[in-house]
Amino acid sequence: MKEWGRRLSGAERRDYEKHVNRLGLKGIAVRSYATEFAERGGVYEDDVVVTVQIVRMENKARVREAYERQTGLGKMFGLPKGPKIKGHTNASCFAGPGAGLDSAEEEGGRLDAMRCFAYDSELLVSVRADGVAPLDKGAVADLVQEQLDHIASPGEYV
């Protein structure tokens, strides 16, 4: 979670890290997904790695505060808005090369990225997708929606 503050100035980064320390974290779960690499004409296409992080916190107000802090950083960095997540008003996405914060040219293609943040009760959800441009942002948004739908109804298949 502290990784998002790494581009801040020293004083801002220390303030952000103190904020993270005060959140009362109860647990963090992380899962990563990767597509199969497909080489076409010397260029890798449709390559994407998605990491989903779910954080459980003691205080529900702190969950919303953390969400607002994360989305505030995206806005502060001037990241373009990404697609909306259907059925989830407590979710925001940022898309485009700048969303990777370390976007770079690679031999054979440009990297693209998308970041999504959401919260539900005591859970904060962060999704990071990085891949070869153009990233299928709709597919990433669908994955985020599925994850949030499952959190809302954990005993049901959605």
C-alpha atoms as a PDB file:
ATOM      1  CA  MET A   1       0.000   0.000   0.000  1.00  0.00           C
ATOM      2  CA  LYS A   2       2.897   2.328   0.715  1.00  0.00           C
ATOM      3  CA  GLU A   3       4.120   1.855  -2.874  1.00  0.00           C
ATOM      4  CA  TRP A   4       1.598   4.410  -4.146  1.00  0.00           C
ATOM      5  CA  GLY A   5       3.384   7.155  -2.232  1.00  0.00           C
ATOM      6  CA  ARG A   6       6.817   6.505  -3.692  1.00  0.00           C
ATOM      7  CA  ARG A   7       6.665   9.395  -6.190  1.00  0.00           C
ATOM      8  CA  LEU A   8       5.772  11.930  -3.520  1.00  0.00           C
ATOM      9  CA  SER A   9       8.321  14.330  -2.092  1.00  0.00           C
ATOM     10  CA  GLY A  10      10.067  13.277   1.122  1.00  0.00           C
ATOM     11  CA  ALA A  11       7.700  15.133   3.501  1.00  0.00           C
ATOM     12  CA  GLU A  12       4.571  14.110   1.563  1.00  0.00           C
ATOM     13  CA  ARG A  13       5.768  10.487   1.413  1.00  0.00           C
ATOM     14  CA  ARG A  14       6.414  10.382   5.182  1.00  0.00           C
ATOM     15  CA  ASP A  15       2.932  11.829   5.809  1.00  0.00           C
ATOM     16  CA  TYR A  16       1.395   9.255   3.487  1.00  0.00           C
ATOM     17  CA  GLU A  17       3.292   6.376   5.160  1.00  0.00           C
ATOM     18  CA  LYS A  18       2.149   7.561   8.620  1.00  0.00           C
ATOM     19  CA  HIS A  19      -1.399   7.545   7.276  1.00  0.00           C
ATOM     20  CA  VAL A  20      -0.997   3.951   6.056  1.00  0.00           C
ATOM     21  CA  ASN A  21       0.401   2.935   9.449  1.00  0.00           C
ATOM     22  CA  ARG A  22      -2.714   4.372  11.209  1.00  0.00           C
ATOM     23  CA  LEU A  23      -5.167   2.368   9.082  1.00  0.00           C
ATOM     24  CA  GLY A  24      -5.435  -0.577  11.471  1.00  0.00           C
ATOM     25  CA  LEU A  25      -4.771  -3.283   8.897  1.00  0.00           C
ATOM     26  CA  LYS A  26      -6.208  -6.699   9.791  1.00  0.00           C
ATOM     27  CA  GLY A  27      -4.977  -8.536   6.714  1.00  0.00           C
ATOM     28  CA  ILE A  28      -3.981  -8.299   3.071  1.00  0.00           C
ATOM     29  CA  ALA A  29      -4.636 -10.813   0.302  1.00  0.00           C
ATOM     30  CA  VAL A  30      -2.942 -10.551  -3.089  1.00  0.00           C
ATOM     31  CA  ARG A  31      -3.576 -12.522  -6.246  1.00  0.00           C
ATOM     32  CA  SER A  32      -1.948 -12.047  -9.655  1.00  0.00           C
ATOM     33  CA  TYR A  33      -3.174 -13.109 -13.077  1.00  0.00           C
ATOM     34  CA  ALA A  34      -1.233 -13.193 -16.339  1.00  0.00           C
ATOM     35  CA  THR A  35      -2.338 -13.872 -19.896  1.00  0.00           C
ATOM     36  CA  GLU A  36      -0.430 -16.203 -22.140  1.00  0.00           C
ATOM     37  CA  PHE A  37       2.126 -14.400 -24.238  1.00  0.00           C
ATOM     38  CA  ALA A  38       1.418 -14.385 -27.971  1.00  0.00           C
ATOM     39  CA  GLU A  39       4.125 -13.317 -30.392  1.00  0.00           C
ATOM     40  CA  ARG A  40       2.916 -11.930 -33.695  1.00  0.00           C
ATOM     41  CA  GLY A  41       5.455 -10.556 -36.123  1.00  0.00           C
ATOM     42  CA  GLY A  42       8.108 -10.093 -33.440  1.00  0.00           C
ATOM     43  CA  VAL A  43       5.711  -8.121 -31.220  1.00  0.00           C
ATOM     44  CA  TYR A  44       4.089  -9.504 -28.105  1.00  0.00           C
ATOM     45  CA  GLU A  45       0.370  -8.808 -28.081  1.00  0.00           C
ATOM     46  CA  ASP A  46      -2.399  -9.122 -25.532  1.00  0.00           C
ATOM     47  CA  ASP A  47       0.139  -9.500 -22.723  1.00  0.00           C
ATOM     48  CA  VAL A  48      -1.244  -8.327 -19.411  1.00  0.00           C
ATOM     49  CA  VAL A  49      -0.514  -8.913 -15.744  1.00  0.00           C
ATOM     50  CA  VAL A  50      -3.254  -8.034 -13.252  1.00  0.00           C
ATOM     51  CA  THR A  51      -2.690  -7.895  -9.504  1.00  0.00           C
ATOM     52  CA  VAL A  52      -5.668  -7.720  -7.149  1.00  0.00           C
ATOM     53  CA  GLN A  53      -5.023  -6.623  -3.567  1.00  0.00           C
ATOM     54  CA  ILE A  54      -7.730  -6.797  -0.893  1.00  0.00           C
ATOM     55  CA  VAL A  55      -7.063  -5.159   2.463  1.00  0.00           C
ATOM     56  CA  ARG A  56      -9.232  -5.725   5.535  1.00  0.00           C
ATOM     57  CA  MET A  57      -9.193  -2.916   8.099  1.00  0.00           C
ATOM     58  CA  GLU A  58     -10.572  -2.550  11.609  1.00  0.00           C
ATOM     59  CA  ASN A  59     -12.283   0.792  11.009  1.00  0.00           C
ATOM     60  CA  LYS A  60     -14.758   1.238   8.126  1.00  0.00           C
ATOM     61  CA  ALA A  61     -14.220   5.009   8.110  1.00  0.00           C
ATOM     62  CA  ARG A  62     -10.511   4.392   7.563  1.00  0.00           C
ATOM     63  CA  VAL A  63     -11.355   2.189   4.569  1.00  0.00           C
ATOM     64  CA  ARG A  64     -13.144   5.094   2.873  1.00  0.00           C
ATOM     65  CA  GLU A  65     -10.328   7.448   3.886  1.00  0.00           C
ATOM     66  CA  ALA A  66      -7.749   5.108   2.309  1.00  0.00           C
ATOM     67  CA  TYR A  67      -9.834   4.889  -0.865  1.00  0.00           C
ATOM     68  CA  GLU A  68     -10.060   8.676  -1.049  1.00  0.00           C
ATOM     69  CA  ARG A  69      -6.324   8.993  -0.463  1.00  0.00           C
ATOM     70  CA  GLN A  70      -5.519   6.508  -3.256  1.00  0.00           C
ATOM     71  CA  THR A  71      -7.892   8.104  -5.758  1.00  0.00           C
ATOM     72  CA  GLY A  72      -6.607  11.511  -4.678  1.00  0.00           C
ATOM     73  CA  LEU A  73      -3.076  10.451  -5.621  1.00  0.00           C
ATOM     74  CA  GLY A  74      -4.320   9.387  -9.058  1.00  0.00           C
ATOM     75  CA  LYS A  75      -5.915  12.798  -9.535  1.00  0.00           C
ATOM     76  CA  MET A  76      -2.844  14.594  -8.171  1.00  0.00           C
ATOM     77  CA  PHE A  77      -0.636  12.793 -10.700  1.00  0.00           C
ATOM     78  CA  GLY A  78      -3.085  13.858 -13.441  1.00  0.00           C
ATOM     79  CA  LEU A  79      -3.931  10.308 -14.470  1.00  0.00           C
ATOM     80  CA  PRO A  80      -6.779   9.996 -16.986  1.00  0.00           C
ATOM     81  CA  LYS A  81     -10.009   8.442 -15.715  1.00  0.00           C
ATOM     82  CA  GLY A  82     -10.619   4.868 -16.717  1.00  0.00           C
ATOM     83  CA  PRO A  83     -13.876   3.024 -17.320  1.00  0.00           C
ATOM     84  CA  LYS A  84     -16.617   2.998 -14.698  1.00  0.00           C
ATOM     85  CA  ILE A  85     -17.331  -0.225 -12.841  1.00  0.00           C
ATOM     86  CA  LYS A  86     -20.986  -1.197 -13.382  1.00  0.00           C
ATOM     87  CA  GLY A  87     -23.028  -1.433 -10.207  1.00  0.00           C
ATOM     88  CA  HIS A  88     -20.273  -0.099  -7.932  1.00  0.00           C
ATOM     89  CA  THR A  89     -20.342   3.591  -7.077  1.00  0.00           C
ATOM     90  CA  ASN A  90     -17.471   3.170  -4.601  1.00  0.00           C
ATOM     91  CA  ALA A  91     -15.007   2.297  -7.376  1.00  0.00           C
ATOM     92  CA  SER A  92     -12.696   4.478  -9.482  1.00  0.00           C
ATOM     93  CA  CYS A  93     -10.271   3.622 -12.257  1.00  0.00           C
ATOM     94  CA  PHE A  94      -7.383   5.470 -13.867  1.00  0.00           C
ATOM     95  CA  ALA A  95      -6.113   4.449 -17.294  1.00  0.00           C
ATOM     96  CA  GLY A  96      -3.410   5.176 -19.802  1.00  0.00           C
ATOM     97  CA  PRO A  97       0.360   5.025 -19.890  1.00  0.00           C
ATOM     98  CA  GLY A  98       0.653   7.366 -16.909  1.00  0.00           C
ATOM     99  CA  ALA A  99      -1.323   4.968 -14.708  1.00  0.00           C
ATOM    100  CA  GLY A 100       1.712   2.700 -14.597  1.00  0.00           C
ATOM    101  CA  LEU A 101       3.735   5.435 -12.929  1.00  0.00           C
ATOM    102  CA  ASP A 102       6.777   3.747 -14.447  1.00  0.00           C
ATOM    103  CA  SER A 103       5.534   3.622 -18.035  1.00  0.00           C
ATOM    104  CA  ALA A 104       8.266   2.933 -20.540  1.00  0.00           C
ATOM    105  CA  GLU A 105       8.920   1.991 -24.116  1.00  0.00           C
ATOM    106  CA  GLU A 106       9.847  -1.647 -24.558  1.00  0.00           C
ATOM    107  CA  GLU A 107      11.321  -3.188 -27.670  1.00  0.00           C
ATOM    108  CA  GLY A 108       8.369  -4.103 -29.851  1.00  0.00           C
ATOM    109  CA  GLY A 109       5.666  -2.128 -28.069  1.00  0.00           C
ATOM    110  CA  ARG A 110       4.522   0.504 -25.631  1.00  0.00           C
ATOM    111  CA  LEU A 111       3.393  -0.391 -22.134  1.00  0.00           C
ATOM    112  CA  ASP A 112      -0.086   0.564 -21.001  1.00  0.00           C
ATOM    113  CA  ALA A 113      -1.643   0.456 -17.550  1.00  0.00           C
ATOM    114  CA  MET A 114      -4.799   0.796 -15.521  1.00  0.00           C
ATOM    115  CA  ARG A 115      -5.382   1.181 -11.778  1.00  0.00           C
ATOM    116  CA  CYS A 116      -8.706   0.690  -9.997  1.00  0.00           C
ATOM    117  CA  PHE A 117      -9.638   1.279  -6.385  1.00  0.00           C
ATOM    118  CA  ALA A 118     -12.834   0.369  -4.565  1.00  0.00           C
ATOM    119  CA  TYR A 119     -14.166  -0.218  -1.101  1.00  0.00           C
ATOM    120  CA  ASP A 120     -16.979  -2.185   0.496  1.00  0.00           C
ATOM    121  CA  SER A 121     -17.512  -2.162   4.262  1.00  0.00           C
ATOM    122  CA  GLU A 122     -14.166  -3.098   5.860  1.00  0.00           C
ATOM    123  CA  LEU A 123     -12.469  -4.071   2.578  1.00  0.00           C
ATOM    124  CA  LEU A 124     -10.309  -1.909   0.328  1.00  0.00           C
ATOM    125  CA  VAL A 125      -9.687  -3.315  -3.165  1.00  0.00           C
ATOM    126  CA  SER A 126      -6.821  -2.217  -5.410  1.00  0.00           C
ATOM    127  CA  VAL A 127      -6.320  -3.582  -8.920  1.00  0.00           C
ATOM    128  CA  ARG A 128      -3.210  -2.974 -10.992  1.00  0.00           C
ATOM    129  CA  ALA A 129      -3.111  -4.012 -14.662  1.00  0.00           C
ATOM    130  CA  ASP A 130      -0.013  -3.616 -16.834  1.00  0.00           C
ATOM    131  CA  GLY A 131       0.416  -4.774 -20.394  1.00  0.00           C
ATOM    132  CA  VAL A 132       1.294  -4.065 -23.973  1.00  0.00           C
ATOM    133  CA  ALA A 133      -0.672  -1.165 -25.486  1.00  0.00           C
ATOM    134  CA  PRO A 134      -3.451  -1.016 -26.165  1.00  0.00           C
ATOM    135  CA  LEU A 135      -4.556  -2.604 -22.905  1.00  0.00           C
ATOM    136  CA  ASP A 136      -8.096  -4.023 -22.983  1.00  0.00           C
ATOM    137  CA  LYS A 137      -9.445  -1.702 -20.303  1.00  0.00           C
ATOM    138  CA  GLY A 138     -12.971  -3.094 -20.658  1.00  0.00           C
ATOM    139  CA  ALA A 139     -11.736  -6.577 -19.779  1.00  0.00           C
ATOM    140  CA  VAL A 140      -9.900  -5.220 -16.747  1.00  0.00           C
ATOM    141  CA  ALA A 141     -13.050  -3.339 -15.663  1.00  0.00           C
ATOM    142  CA  ASP A 142     -15.035  -6.590 -16.028  1.00  0.00           C
ATOM    143  CA  LEU A 143     -12.515  -8.396 -13.791  1.00  0.00           C
ATOM    144  CA  VAL A 144     -12.820  -5.620 -11.182  1.00  0.00           C
ATOM    145  CA  GLN A 145     -16.629  -5.831 -11.369  1.00  0.00           C
ATOM    146  CA  GLU A 146     -16.553  -9.619 -10.891  1.00  0.00           C
ATOM    147  CA  GLN A 147     -14.296  -9.249  -7.855  1.00  0.00           C
ATOM    148  CA  LEU A 148     -16.541  -6.580  -6.303  1.00  0.00           C
ATOM    149  CA  ASP A 149     -19.687  -8.596  -7.090  1.00  0.00           C
ATOM    150  CA  HIS A 150     -18.149 -11.584  -5.301  1.00  0.00           C
ATOM    151  CA  ILE A 151     -17.287  -9.445  -2.262  1.00  0.00           C
ATOM    152  CA  ALA A 152     -20.880  -8.159  -2.135  1.00  0.00           C
ATOM    153  CA  SER A 153     -22.282 -11.717  -2.322  1.00  0.00           C
ATOM    154  CA  PRO A 154     -19.509 -14.078  -1.143  1.00  0.00           C
ATOM    155  CA  GLY A 155     -21.727 -17.154  -0.885  1.00  0.00           C
ATOM    156  CA  GLU A 156     -23.142 -16.854  -4.391  1.00  0.00           C
ATOM    157  CA  TYR A 157     -21.710 -17.429  -7.818  1.00  0.00           C
ATOM    158  CA  VAL A 158     -22.021 -14.298  -9.937  1.00  0.00           C
END
